[in-house]
Amino acid sequence: TIANIVKSSLGPQGLDKMLVDDIGEITVTNDGATILKQLEIEHPAANVLVESSFAQDEAVGDGTTSVVIFAAELLRRANKLIKNNIHPTNIIFGYKKAAKKAIEYIKSDLTKNPTEL
């Protein structure tokens, strides 16, 4: 999977990947965005993961590998729920509710007013 390809490159202890393109040019990197740019993706869901990592890279300049791993895990768990006859609409509702709660938690417990520092 896309997540498995980039997972081992995550963090300061991440492993480098050696990529060889069509003309034989070699790139050695542990940067998730660079790795994903080199892949030829055909599967629509995998393509969504790659596009989300590009959006993350454009917006923040970092975290591309984390975005792919996180999104892939959400998809993997959603697939399990679908196999247990949970309707996709309910899964989406649950993910949106969880995202809302996560944002509330971040705002209330993980942020500080600059005057408090």
N, C-alpha and C. Protein backbone atom coordinates (compact mmCIF):
# COMPACT_ATOMS: atom_id res chain seq x y z
N THR A 1 0.84 -1.19 0.00
CA THR A 1 0.00 0.00 0.00
C THR A 1 0.88 1.25 0.00
N ILE A 2 0.25 2.36 -0.31
CA ILE A 2 0.97 3.64 -0.31
C ILE A 2 1.54 3.93 1.08
N ALA A 3 0.73 3.69 2.11
CA ALA A 3 1.18 3.94 3.48
C ALA A 3 2.39 3.09 3.83
N ASN A 4 2.39 1.84 3.42
CA ASN A 4 3.53 0.97 3.72
C ASN A 4 4.80 1.42 3.02
N ILE A 5 4.64 2.02 1.85
CA ILE A 5 5.81 2.49 1.11
C ILE A 5 6.51 3.62 1.86
N VAL A 6 5.73 4.54 2.41
CA VAL A 6 6.33 5.71 3.06
C VAL A 6 6.51 5.55 4.58
N LYS A 7 5.85 4.56 5.17
CA LYS A 7 5.86 4.42 6.63
C LYS A 7 7.27 4.31 7.21
N SER A 8 8.12 3.56 6.58
CA SER A 8 9.47 3.36 7.12
C SER A 8 10.36 4.59 6.98
N SER A 9 9.90 5.60 6.24
CA SER A 9 10.68 6.83 6.09
C SER A 9 10.26 7.90 7.09
N LEU A 10 9.32 7.58 7.98
CA LEU A 10 8.77 8.57 8.91
C LEU A 10 9.73 8.91 10.04
N GLY A 11 9.83 10.19 10.32
CA GLY A 11 10.55 10.67 11.50
C GLY A 11 12.05 10.77 11.32
N PRO A 12 12.72 11.20 12.40
CA PRO A 12 14.17 11.42 12.33
C PRO A 12 14.97 10.12 12.15
N GLN A 13 14.39 9.00 12.55
CA GLN A 13 15.05 7.71 12.37
C GLN A 13 14.59 7.00 11.10
N GLY A 14 13.86 7.74 10.25
CA GLY A 14 13.30 7.16 9.03
C GLY A 14 14.37 6.69 8.07
N LEU A 15 14.05 5.62 7.38
CA LEU A 15 14.99 5.04 6.43
C LEU A 15 14.90 5.73 5.07
N ASP A 16 16.03 5.81 4.40
CA ASP A 16 16.05 6.35 3.05
C ASP A 16 15.50 5.33 2.07
N LYS A 17 14.93 5.83 1.00
CA LYS A 17 14.44 4.99 -0.09
C LYS A 17 15.26 5.32 -1.33
N MET A 18 15.60 4.29 -2.09
CA MET A 18 16.27 4.50 -3.35
C MET A 18 15.24 4.32 -4.46
N LEU A 19 15.02 5.37 -5.23
CA LEU A 19 14.03 5.36 -6.29
C LEU A 19 14.74 5.45 -7.64
N VAL A 20 14.29 4.64 -8.58
CA VAL A 20 14.85 4.66 -9.93
C VAL A 20 13.71 4.97 -10.89
N ASP A 21 13.87 6.05 -11.67
CA ASP A 21 12.80 6.42 -12.60
C ASP A 21 12.95 5.67 -13.93
N ASP A 22 12.10 6.01 -14.90
CA ASP A 22 12.05 5.32 -16.18
C ASP A 22 13.35 5.38 -16.97
N ILE A 23 14.09 6.47 -16.80
CA ILE A 23 15.34 6.61 -17.56
C ILE A 23 16.56 6.17 -16.76
N GLY A 24 16.33 5.62 -15.58
CA GLY A 24 17.41 5.09 -14.77
C GLY A 24 18.03 6.06 -13.80
N GLU A 25 17.44 7.26 -13.68
CA GLU A 25 17.96 8.24 -12.73
C GLU A 25 17.62 7.80 -11.31
N ILE A 26 18.60 7.88 -10.42
CA ILE A 26 18.44 7.41 -9.04
C ILE A 26 18.25 8.59 -8.10
N THR A 27 17.26 8.46 -7.21
CA THR A 27 17.02 9.44 -6.16
C THR A 27 17.01 8.70 -4.83
N VAL A 28 17.78 9.21 -3.87
CA VAL A 28 17.79 8.64 -2.52
C VAL A 28 17.22 9.69 -1.58
N THR A 29 16.13 9.33 -0.89
CA THR A 29 15.45 10.30 -0.03
C THR A 29 14.65 9.58 1.06
N ASN A 30 14.35 10.31 2.12
CA ASN A 30 13.39 9.82 3.11
C ASN A 30 12.23 10.81 3.24
N ASP A 31 12.11 11.71 2.26
CA ASP A 31 11.04 12.70 2.23
C ASP A 31 9.80 12.10 1.57
N GLY A 32 8.71 12.05 2.32
CA GLY A 32 7.48 11.44 1.83
C GLY A 32 6.98 12.06 0.54
N ALA A 33 7.04 13.39 0.43
CA ALA A 33 6.55 14.07 -0.76
C ALA A 33 7.36 13.67 -1.99
N THR A 34 8.66 13.58 -1.83
CA THR A 34 9.52 13.19 -2.94
C THR A 34 9.24 11.75 -3.37
N ILE A 35 9.07 10.88 -2.40
CA ILE A 35 8.78 9.47 -2.70
C ILE A 35 7.46 9.37 -3.47
N LEU A 36 6.44 10.06 -2.97
CA LEU A 36 5.12 9.97 -3.58
C LEU A 36 5.09 10.57 -4.99
N LYS A 37 5.88 11.61 -5.22
CA LYS A 37 5.93 12.22 -6.55
C LYS A 37 6.50 11.26 -7.59
N GLN A 38 7.35 10.34 -7.13
CA GLN A 38 8.00 9.40 -8.05
C GLN A 38 7.11 8.20 -8.40
N LEU A 39 6.07 7.97 -7.61
CA LEU A 39 5.22 6.80 -7.84
C LEU A 39 4.22 7.04 -8.97
N GLU A 40 3.94 5.99 -9.69
CA GLU A 40 2.91 6.04 -10.73
C GLU A 40 1.66 5.38 -10.16
N ILE A 41 0.72 6.20 -9.71
CA ILE A 41 -0.47 5.73 -9.01
C ILE A 41 -1.62 5.58 -9.99
N GLU A 42 -2.30 4.44 -9.93
CA GLU A 42 -3.47 4.22 -10.78
C GLU A 42 -4.76 4.06 -9.97
N HIS A 43 -4.68 3.51 -8.78
CA HIS A 43 -5.87 3.26 -7.97
C HIS A 43 -6.44 4.59 -7.46
N PRO A 44 -7.75 4.81 -7.64
CA PRO A 44 -8.36 6.09 -7.24
C PRO A 44 -8.17 6.44 -5.76
N ALA A 45 -8.33 5.47 -4.87
CA ALA A 45 -8.18 5.75 -3.44
C ALA A 45 -6.73 6.09 -3.11
N ALA A 46 -5.80 5.38 -3.72
CA ALA A 46 -4.38 5.68 -3.50
C ALA A 46 -4.05 7.06 -4.04
N ASN A 47 -4.66 7.42 -5.13
CA ASN A 47 -4.43 8.74 -5.71
C ASN A 47 -4.93 9.84 -4.78
N VAL A 48 -6.04 9.59 -4.08
CA VAL A 48 -6.55 10.56 -3.10
C VAL A 48 -5.53 10.75 -1.97
N LEU A 49 -4.91 9.67 -1.53
CA LEU A 49 -3.89 9.77 -0.48
C LEU A 49 -2.71 10.62 -0.94
N VAL A 50 -2.27 10.38 -2.15
CA VAL A 50 -1.14 11.14 -2.70
C VAL A 50 -1.52 12.61 -2.84
N GLU A 51 -2.70 12.89 -3.36
CA GLU A 51 -3.14 14.28 -3.51
C GLU A 51 -3.26 14.98 -2.15
N SER A 52 -3.70 14.26 -1.13
CA SER A 52 -3.80 14.88 0.20
C SER A 52 -2.42 15.20 0.75
N SER A 53 -1.45 14.36 0.44
CA SER A 53 -0.08 14.65 0.89
C SER A 53 0.48 15.86 0.16
N PHE A 54 0.15 16.02 -1.12
CA PHE A 54 0.60 17.20 -1.87
C PHE A 54 -0.02 18.46 -1.29
N ALA A 55 -1.30 18.38 -0.93
CA ALA A 55 -1.98 19.54 -0.32
C ALA A 55 -1.33 19.90 1.01
N GLN A 56 -0.98 18.89 1.79
CA GLN A 56 -0.30 19.11 3.07
C GLN A 56 1.06 19.77 2.84
N ASP A 57 1.79 19.29 1.85
CA ASP A 57 3.11 19.84 1.55
C ASP A 57 3.00 21.30 1.11
N GLU A 58 2.00 21.59 0.30
CA GLU A 58 1.80 22.96 -0.19
C GLU A 58 1.39 23.89 0.95
N ALA A 59 0.53 23.41 1.84
CA ALA A 59 0.01 24.25 2.92
C ALA A 59 1.03 24.47 4.03
N VAL A 60 1.77 23.41 4.39
CA VAL A 60 2.63 23.48 5.57
C VAL A 60 4.10 23.24 5.24
N GLY A 61 4.36 22.44 4.22
CA GLY A 61 5.74 22.12 3.86
C GLY A 61 6.30 20.93 4.60
N ASP A 62 5.46 20.25 5.36
CA ASP A 62 5.91 19.10 6.15
C ASP A 62 4.69 18.24 6.48
N GLY A 63 4.94 17.03 6.94
CA GLY A 63 3.86 16.17 7.41
C GLY A 63 3.22 15.32 6.33
N THR A 64 3.84 15.24 5.16
CA THR A 64 3.24 14.49 4.06
C THR A 64 3.13 13.00 4.38
N THR A 65 4.16 12.45 4.98
CA THR A 65 4.14 11.03 5.33
C THR A 65 3.08 10.75 6.38
N SER A 66 2.99 11.62 7.37
CA SER A 66 1.99 11.45 8.43
C SER A 66 0.57 11.50 7.88
N VAL A 67 0.32 12.41 6.94
CA VAL A 67 -1.01 12.51 6.33
C VAL A 67 -1.38 11.21 5.62
N VAL A 68 -0.45 10.66 4.87
CA VAL A 68 -0.72 9.42 4.13
C VAL A 68 -0.98 8.27 5.09
N ILE A 69 -0.16 8.14 6.13
CA ILE A 69 -0.33 7.04 7.08
C ILE A 69 -1.66 7.17 7.82
N PHE A 70 -1.99 8.38 8.25
CA PHE A 70 -3.23 8.61 8.98
C PHE A 70 -4.45 8.34 8.09
N ALA A 71 -4.45 8.90 6.89
CA ALA A 71 -5.58 8.71 5.98
C ALA A 71 -5.73 7.25 5.57
N ALA A 72 -4.62 6.58 5.35
CA ALA A 72 -4.69 5.15 4.98
C ALA A 72 -5.29 4.33 6.11
N GLU A 73 -4.97 4.68 7.33
CA GLU A 73 -5.53 3.97 8.47
C GLU A 73 -7.03 4.21 8.59
N LEU A 74 -7.47 5.44 8.34
CA LEU A 74 -8.90 5.73 8.35
C LEU A 74 -9.62 4.91 7.28
N LEU A 75 -9.04 4.82 6.10
CA LEU A 75 -9.63 4.03 5.03
C LEU A 75 -9.66 2.54 5.38
N ARG A 76 -8.58 2.05 5.98
CA ARG A 76 -8.51 0.63 6.36
C ARG A 76 -9.60 0.30 7.37
N ARG A 77 -9.76 1.17 8.36
CA ARG A 77 -10.79 0.92 9.37
C ARG A 77 -12.20 1.09 8.80
N ALA A 78 -12.38 2.03 7.89
CA ALA A 78 -13.68 2.20 7.25
C ALA A 78 -14.03 0.94 6.45
N ASN A 79 -13.04 0.37 5.80
CA ASN A 79 -13.27 -0.85 5.03
C ASN A 79 -13.73 -2.00 5.94
N LYS A 80 -13.13 -2.09 7.12
CA LYS A 80 -13.55 -3.12 8.10
C LYS A 80 -15.01 -2.89 8.52
N LEU A 81 -15.36 -1.63 8.75
CA LEU A 81 -16.73 -1.31 9.15
C LEU A 81 -17.71 -1.65 8.04
N ILE A 82 -17.35 -1.36 6.82
CA ILE A 82 -18.22 -1.69 5.67
C ILE A 82 -18.41 -3.20 5.58
N LYS A 83 -17.35 -3.95 5.82
CA LYS A 83 -17.46 -5.42 5.80
C LYS A 83 -18.36 -5.93 6.93
N ASN A 84 -18.52 -5.13 7.98
CA ASN A 84 -19.43 -5.47 9.08
C ASN A 84 -20.80 -4.85 8.88
N ASN A 85 -21.12 -4.51 7.63
CA ASN A 85 -22.43 -3.99 7.23
C ASN A 85 -22.78 -2.63 7.83
N ILE A 86 -21.78 -1.81 8.11
CA ILE A 86 -22.02 -0.43 8.53
C ILE A 86 -22.09 0.41 7.25
N HIS A 87 -23.13 1.18 7.10
CA HIS A 87 -23.31 1.97 5.87
C HIS A 87 -22.25 3.08 5.80
N PRO A 88 -21.69 3.32 4.61
CA PRO A 88 -20.67 4.36 4.45
C PRO A 88 -21.10 5.73 4.96
N THR A 89 -22.39 6.05 4.84
CA THR A 89 -22.88 7.34 5.34
C THR A 89 -22.68 7.44 6.85
N ASN A 90 -22.91 6.34 7.56
CA ASN A 90 -22.70 6.33 9.01
C ASN A 90 -21.22 6.46 9.36
N ILE A 91 -20.38 5.85 8.57
CA ILE A 91 -18.94 5.95 8.80
C ILE A 91 -18.48 7.40 8.61
N ILE A 92 -18.94 8.02 7.55
CA ILE A 92 -18.58 9.42 7.30
C ILE A 92 -19.09 10.31 8.42
N PHE A 93 -20.32 10.08 8.87
CA PHE A 93 -20.87 10.85 9.98
C PHE A 93 -19.99 10.69 11.22
N GLY A 94 -19.59 9.46 11.51
CA GLY A 94 -18.73 9.20 12.67
C GLY A 94 -17.37 9.89 12.55
N TYR A 95 -16.78 9.85 11.36
CA TYR A 95 -15.49 10.51 11.16
C TYR A 95 -15.61 12.03 11.31
N LYS A 96 -16.70 12.59 10.80
CA LYS A 96 -16.90 14.04 10.94
C LYS A 96 -17.11 14.42 12.40
N LYS A 97 -17.86 13.60 13.11
CA LYS A 97 -18.10 13.86 14.54
C LYS A 97 -16.78 13.77 15.32
N ALA A 98 -15.97 12.78 15.00
CA ALA A 98 -14.67 12.61 15.66
C ALA A 98 -13.76 13.79 15.35
N ALA A 99 -13.77 14.27 14.11
CA ALA A 99 -12.94 15.41 13.73
C ALA A 99 -13.36 16.66 14.50
N LYS A 100 -14.66 16.85 14.63
CA LYS A 100 -15.18 18.00 15.38
C LYS A 100 -14.73 17.94 16.84
N LYS A 101 -14.83 16.75 17.45
CA LYS A 101 -14.40 16.57 18.84
C LYS A 101 -12.89 16.81 18.98
N ALA A 102 -12.13 16.32 18.01
CA ALA A 102 -10.68 16.50 18.05
C ALA A 102 -10.31 17.98 17.99
N ILE A 103 -11.00 18.72 17.13
CA ILE A 103 -10.75 20.17 17.02
C ILE A 103 -11.10 20.88 18.31
N GLU A 104 -12.23 20.51 18.91
CA GLU A 104 -12.63 21.09 20.21
C GLU A 104 -11.56 20.83 21.26
N TYR A 105 -11.06 19.59 21.30
CA TYR A 105 -10.03 19.23 22.28
C TYR A 105 -8.75 20.04 22.05
N ILE A 106 -8.34 20.14 20.81
CA ILE A 106 -7.12 20.89 20.50
C ILE A 106 -7.27 22.34 20.92
N LYS A 107 -8.41 22.93 20.62
CA LYS A 107 -8.63 24.33 20.97
C LYS A 107 -8.71 24.55 22.48
N SER A 108 -9.33 23.61 23.19
CA SER A 108 -9.53 23.81 24.62
C SER A 108 -8.34 23.36 25.47
N ASP A 109 -7.65 22.30 25.07
CA ASP A 109 -6.62 21.73 25.94
C ASP A 109 -5.19 21.83 25.41
N LEU A 110 -5.04 22.08 24.13
CA LEU A 110 -3.69 22.04 23.57
C LEU A 110 -3.21 23.37 23.01
N THR A 111 -3.98 24.42 23.19
CA THR A 111 -3.55 25.73 22.74
C THR A 111 -3.50 26.69 23.93
N LYS A 112 -2.59 27.64 23.82
CA LYS A 112 -2.44 28.63 24.88
C LYS A 112 -2.48 30.03 24.28
N ASN A 113 -3.03 30.92 25.04
CA ASN A 113 -3.01 32.31 24.68
C ASN A 113 -1.57 32.79 24.83
N PRO A 114 -1.03 33.59 23.92
CA PRO A 114 0.35 34.07 24.04
C PRO A 114 0.65 34.77 25.36
N THR A 115 -0.35 35.38 25.98
CA THR A 115 -0.14 36.04 27.27
C THR A 115 0.10 35.04 28.39
N GLU A 116 -0.29 33.79 28.18
CA GLU A 116 -0.12 32.74 29.20
C GLU A 116 1.29 32.14 29.18
N LEU A 117 2.05 32.45 28.15
CA LEU A 117 3.38 31.84 28.02
C LEU A 117 4.42 32.50 28.84
